[in-house]
Amino acid sequence: LVASMTLSAQNIDHFRRSLAQSEGGATVVVREHGDASSAVASATVQSQRSNVRGYRIGIFYDNSQDARVRAAEAEQMFRASFPSIPVYKDYRNPYFIVTVGNCLTQEEATILWGRVKSLFPKAHITRTDILIDALVRKNE
């Protein structure tokens, strides 16, 4: 945290110096407003987080003897029906779990759940940590 605050303070100083340099010979005075440096430091720390709290739709959750095969079938069926939505298969002893989507808000998750529930009647909204990289790939 201290290192990132030092780095962000250096970035602000560099930005301030670059603004003050004029190509036409004019004098430019740069004044920092309020707590700009602490706001930048806070934003820098936030951007270094690797995940955010969000929602996914659970489409499969089972621990029966053939759960592994049925989880793979659920994954394939979902991919065939919704190829642009990411699918996550997980094993948390003793359950095989398949979740889909990367939703930041509960409203977004509810909309996705509405699309999915006709194919997967037991679908449910679940809270989870979502990797920021997955969200960036989603918006590219």
C-alpha atoms as a PDB file:
ATOM      1  CA  LEU A   1       0.000   0.000   0.000  1.00  0.00           C
ATOM      2  CA  VAL A   2       2.806   2.407   0.912  1.00  0.00           C
ATOM      3  CA  ALA A   3       4.676   1.523  -2.264  1.00  0.00           C
ATOM      4  CA  SER A   4       1.620   2.174  -4.417  1.00  0.00           C
ATOM      5  CA  MET A   5       0.976   5.514  -2.668  1.00  0.00           C
ATOM      6  CA  THR A   6       4.593   6.518  -3.287  1.00  0.00           C
ATOM      7  CA  LEU A   7       4.288   5.436  -6.907  1.00  0.00           C
ATOM      8  CA  SER A   8       1.025   7.351  -7.391  1.00  0.00           C
ATOM      9  CA  ALA A   9       2.559  10.454  -5.770  1.00  0.00           C
ATOM     10  CA  GLN A  10       5.440  10.185  -8.232  1.00  0.00           C
ATOM     11  CA  ASN A  11       2.952   9.864 -11.089  1.00  0.00           C
ATOM     12  CA  ILE A  12       1.110  12.998  -9.954  1.00  0.00           C
ATOM     13  CA  ASP A  13       4.383  14.922  -9.664  1.00  0.00           C
ATOM     14  CA  HIS A  14       5.413  13.767 -13.128  1.00  0.00           C
ATOM     15  CA  PHE A  15       1.988  14.758 -14.507  1.00  0.00           C
ATOM     16  CA  ARG A  16       2.197  18.159 -12.802  1.00  0.00           C
ATOM     17  CA  ARG A  17       5.676  18.791 -14.270  1.00  0.00           C
ATOM     18  CA  SER A  18       4.591  17.758 -17.756  1.00  0.00           C
ATOM     19  CA  LEU A  19       1.609  20.107 -17.588  1.00  0.00           C
ATOM     20  CA  ALA A  20       3.822  22.987 -16.490  1.00  0.00           C
ATOM     21  CA  GLN A  21       6.109  22.617 -19.518  1.00  0.00           C
ATOM     22  CA  SER A  22       4.952  24.876 -22.308  1.00  0.00           C
ATOM     23  CA  GLU A  23       6.087  24.674 -25.907  1.00  0.00           C
ATOM     24  CA  GLY A  24       5.263  28.314 -26.601  1.00  0.00           C
ATOM     25  CA  GLY A  25       7.199  29.808 -23.671  1.00  0.00           C
ATOM     26  CA  ALA A  26       4.124  30.560 -21.553  1.00  0.00           C
ATOM     27  CA  THR A  27       4.205  29.973 -17.809  1.00  0.00           C
ATOM     28  CA  VAL A  28       1.763  27.374 -16.556  1.00  0.00           C
ATOM     29  CA  VAL A  29       1.020  26.994 -12.854  1.00  0.00           C
ATOM     30  CA  VAL A  30      -0.470  23.704 -11.759  1.00  0.00           C
ATOM     31  CA  ARG A  31      -2.289  23.582  -8.426  1.00  0.00           C
ATOM     32  CA  GLU A  32      -3.549  20.389  -6.874  1.00  0.00           C
ATOM     33  CA  HIS A  33      -7.173  20.613  -5.838  1.00  0.00           C
ATOM     34  CA  GLY A  34      -8.179  19.202  -2.460  1.00  0.00           C
ATOM     35  CA  ASP A  35      -7.192  15.621  -1.847  1.00  0.00           C
ATOM     36  CA  ALA A  36      -6.374  14.754  -5.462  1.00  0.00           C
ATOM     37  CA  SER A  37      -3.267  12.784  -4.539  1.00  0.00           C
ATOM     38  CA  SER A  38      -5.117  10.660  -1.965  1.00  0.00           C
ATOM     39  CA  ALA A  39      -7.904  10.030  -4.501  1.00  0.00           C
ATOM     40  CA  VAL A  40      -5.346   8.851  -7.053  1.00  0.00           C
ATOM     41  CA  ALA A  41      -3.659   6.678  -4.414  1.00  0.00           C
ATOM     42  CA  SER A  42      -7.008   5.120  -3.490  1.00  0.00           C
ATOM     43  CA  ALA A  43      -7.860   4.469  -7.143  1.00  0.00           C
ATOM     44  CA  THR A  44      -4.443   2.888  -7.666  1.00  0.00           C
ATOM     45  CA  VAL A  45      -4.968   0.515  -4.742  1.00  0.00           C
ATOM     46  CA  GLN A  46      -8.471  -0.390  -6.007  1.00  0.00           C
ATOM     47  CA  SER A  47      -7.164  -1.163  -9.495  1.00  0.00           C
ATOM     48  CA  GLN A  48      -4.603  -3.565  -8.044  1.00  0.00           C
ATOM     49  CA  ARG A  49      -7.307  -5.852  -6.672  1.00  0.00           C
ATOM     50  CA  SER A  50      -7.475  -9.061  -8.640  1.00  0.00           C
ATOM     51  CA  ASN A  51     -11.202  -9.711  -8.218  1.00  0.00           C
ATOM     52  CA  VAL A  52     -14.532  -8.099  -7.427  1.00  0.00           C
ATOM     53  CA  ARG A  53     -17.645  -9.390  -5.720  1.00  0.00           C
ATOM     54  CA  GLY A  54     -20.313 -10.285  -8.254  1.00  0.00           C
ATOM     55  CA  TYR A  55     -22.866 -12.874  -9.306  1.00  0.00           C
ATOM     56  CA  ARG A  56     -23.091 -15.965 -11.452  1.00  0.00           C
ATOM     57  CA  ILE A  57     -25.936 -18.286 -12.305  1.00  0.00           C
ATOM     58  CA  GLY A  58     -25.636 -21.815 -10.930  1.00  0.00           C
ATOM     59  CA  ILE A  59     -26.988 -24.270 -13.490  1.00  0.00           C
ATOM     60  CA  PHE A  60     -25.721 -27.532 -11.985  1.00  0.00           C
ATOM     61  CA  TYR A  61     -24.968 -28.637  -8.415  1.00  0.00           C
ATOM     62  CA  ASP A  62     -24.802 -32.342  -7.625  1.00  0.00           C
ATOM     63  CA  ASN A  63     -22.830 -35.010  -5.770  1.00  0.00           C
ATOM     64  CA  SER A  64     -24.379 -38.170  -7.193  1.00  0.00           C
ATOM     65  CA  GLN A  65     -22.296 -40.979  -8.616  1.00  0.00           C
ATOM     66  CA  ASP A  66     -22.619 -39.702 -12.190  1.00  0.00           C
ATOM     67  CA  ALA A  67     -22.339 -35.998 -11.279  1.00  0.00           C
ATOM     68  CA  ARG A  68     -19.070 -35.495 -13.195  1.00  0.00           C
ATOM     69  CA  VAL A  69     -20.621 -36.706 -16.457  1.00  0.00           C
ATOM     70  CA  ARG A  70     -23.844 -34.757 -15.896  1.00  0.00           C
ATOM     71  CA  ALA A  71     -21.846 -31.579 -15.113  1.00  0.00           C
ATOM     72  CA  ALA A  72     -19.997 -31.949 -18.421  1.00  0.00           C
ATOM     73  CA  GLU A  73     -23.330 -32.455 -20.203  1.00  0.00           C
ATOM     74  CA  ALA A  74     -24.768 -29.328 -18.572  1.00  0.00           C
ATOM     75  CA  GLU A  75     -21.673 -27.383 -19.600  1.00  0.00           C
ATOM     76  CA  GLN A  76     -21.916 -28.574 -23.219  1.00  0.00           C
ATOM     77  CA  MET A  77     -25.655 -27.854 -23.408  1.00  0.00           C
ATOM     78  CA  PHE A  78     -25.123 -24.342 -22.067  1.00  0.00           C
ATOM     79  CA  ARG A  79     -22.215 -23.605 -24.424  1.00  0.00           C
ATOM     80  CA  ALA A  80     -24.314 -24.745 -27.388  1.00  0.00           C
ATOM     81  CA  SER A  81     -27.224 -22.493 -26.372  1.00  0.00           C
ATOM     82  CA  PHE A  82     -25.269 -19.455 -25.130  1.00  0.00           C
ATOM     83  CA  PRO A  83     -21.832 -19.490 -26.802  1.00  0.00           C
ATOM     84  CA  SER A  84     -20.920 -15.926 -25.792  1.00  0.00           C
ATOM     85  CA  ILE A  85     -21.459 -16.433 -22.038  1.00  0.00           C
ATOM     86  CA  PRO A  86     -18.557 -17.899 -20.021  1.00  0.00           C
ATOM     87  CA  VAL A  87     -19.034 -21.224 -18.219  1.00  0.00           C
ATOM     88  CA  TYR A  88     -17.181 -22.287 -15.060  1.00  0.00           C
ATOM     89  CA  LYS A  89     -16.994 -25.909 -13.917  1.00  0.00           C
ATOM     90  CA  ASP A  90     -15.798 -26.540 -10.387  1.00  0.00           C
ATOM     91  CA  TYR A  91     -15.444 -29.396  -7.932  1.00  0.00           C
ATOM     92  CA  ARG A  92     -15.896 -28.617  -4.255  1.00  0.00           C
ATOM     93  CA  ASN A  93     -15.773 -31.916  -2.450  1.00  0.00           C
ATOM     94  CA  PRO A  94     -18.213 -33.683  -2.786  1.00  0.00           C
ATOM     95  CA  TYR A  95     -20.105 -31.467  -5.286  1.00  0.00           C
ATOM     96  CA  PHE A  96     -19.664 -30.833  -8.995  1.00  0.00           C
ATOM     97  CA  ILE A  97     -20.792 -27.295  -9.766  1.00  0.00           C
ATOM     98  CA  VAL A  98     -21.372 -25.457 -13.042  1.00  0.00           C
ATOM     99  CA  THR A  99     -21.906 -21.702 -12.975  1.00  0.00           C
ATOM    100  CA  VAL A 100     -22.256 -19.248 -15.844  1.00  0.00           C
ATOM    101  CA  GLY A 101     -21.813 -15.540 -16.521  1.00  0.00           C
ATOM    102  CA  ASN A 102     -19.916 -12.675 -14.933  1.00  0.00           C
ATOM    103  CA  CYS A 103     -22.484 -10.266 -13.523  1.00  0.00           C
ATOM    104  CA  LEU A 104     -21.519  -7.218 -11.485  1.00  0.00           C
ATOM    105  CA  THR A 105     -25.029  -6.406 -10.271  1.00  0.00           C
ATOM    106  CA  GLN A 106     -27.910  -8.507  -9.051  1.00  0.00           C
ATOM    107  CA  GLU A 107     -30.089  -6.962 -11.757  1.00  0.00           C
ATOM    108  CA  GLU A 108     -27.716  -8.176 -14.463  1.00  0.00           C
ATOM    109  CA  ALA A 109     -27.731 -11.630 -12.841  1.00  0.00           C
ATOM    110  CA  THR A 110     -31.535 -11.653 -12.710  1.00  0.00           C
ATOM    111  CA  ILE A 111     -31.724 -10.897 -16.434  1.00  0.00           C
ATOM    112  CA  LEU A 112     -29.290 -13.726 -17.205  1.00  0.00           C
ATOM    113  CA  TRP A 113     -31.190 -16.068 -14.858  1.00  0.00           C
ATOM    114  CA  GLY A 114     -34.380 -15.255 -16.790  1.00  0.00           C
ATOM    115  CA  ARG A 115     -32.712 -16.287 -20.043  1.00  0.00           C
ATOM    116  CA  VAL A 116     -31.257 -19.497 -18.588  1.00  0.00           C
ATOM    117  CA  LYS A 117     -34.091 -20.869 -16.441  1.00  0.00           C
ATOM    118  CA  SER A 118     -36.117 -22.261 -19.355  1.00  0.00           C
ATOM    119  CA  LEU A 119     -33.209 -24.579 -20.248  1.00  0.00           C
ATOM    120  CA  PHE A 120     -32.089 -25.146 -16.627  1.00  0.00           C
ATOM    121  CA  PRO A 121     -35.177 -24.986 -14.364  1.00  0.00           C
ATOM    122  CA  LYS A 122     -33.115 -25.378 -11.168  1.00  0.00           C
ATOM    123  CA  ALA A 123     -30.871 -22.398 -12.063  1.00  0.00           C
ATOM    124  CA  HIS A 124     -30.188 -19.979  -9.227  1.00  0.00           C
ATOM    125  CA  ILE A 125     -28.263 -16.753  -8.620  1.00  0.00           C
ATOM    126  CA  THR A 126     -25.126 -17.111  -6.536  1.00  0.00           C
ATOM    127  CA  ARG A 127     -22.637 -14.568  -5.184  1.00  0.00           C
ATOM    128  CA  THR A 128     -19.008 -15.133  -6.079  1.00  0.00           C
ATOM    129  CA  ASP A 129     -15.673 -13.464  -6.636  1.00  0.00           C
ATOM    130  CA  ILE A 130     -15.075 -12.627 -10.295  1.00  0.00           C
ATOM    131  CA  LEU A 131     -11.589 -12.079 -11.672  1.00  0.00           C
ATOM    132  CA  ILE A 132     -11.180  -8.569 -13.060  1.00  0.00           C
ATOM    133  CA  ASP A 133      -9.403 -10.087 -16.080  1.00  0.00           C
ATOM    134  CA  ALA A 134     -12.609 -11.992 -16.926  1.00  0.00           C
ATOM    135  CA  LEU A 135     -14.557  -8.728 -16.903  1.00  0.00           C
ATOM    136  CA  VAL A 136     -11.991  -7.006 -19.099  1.00  0.00           C
ATOM    137  CA  ARG A 137     -12.150  -9.856 -21.646  1.00  0.00           C
ATOM    138  CA  LYS A 138     -15.959  -9.621 -21.560  1.00  0.00           C
ATOM    139  CA  ASN A 139     -15.869  -5.955 -22.595  1.00  0.00           C
ATOM    140  CA  GLU A 140     -13.215  -6.256 -25.314  1.00  0.00           C
END
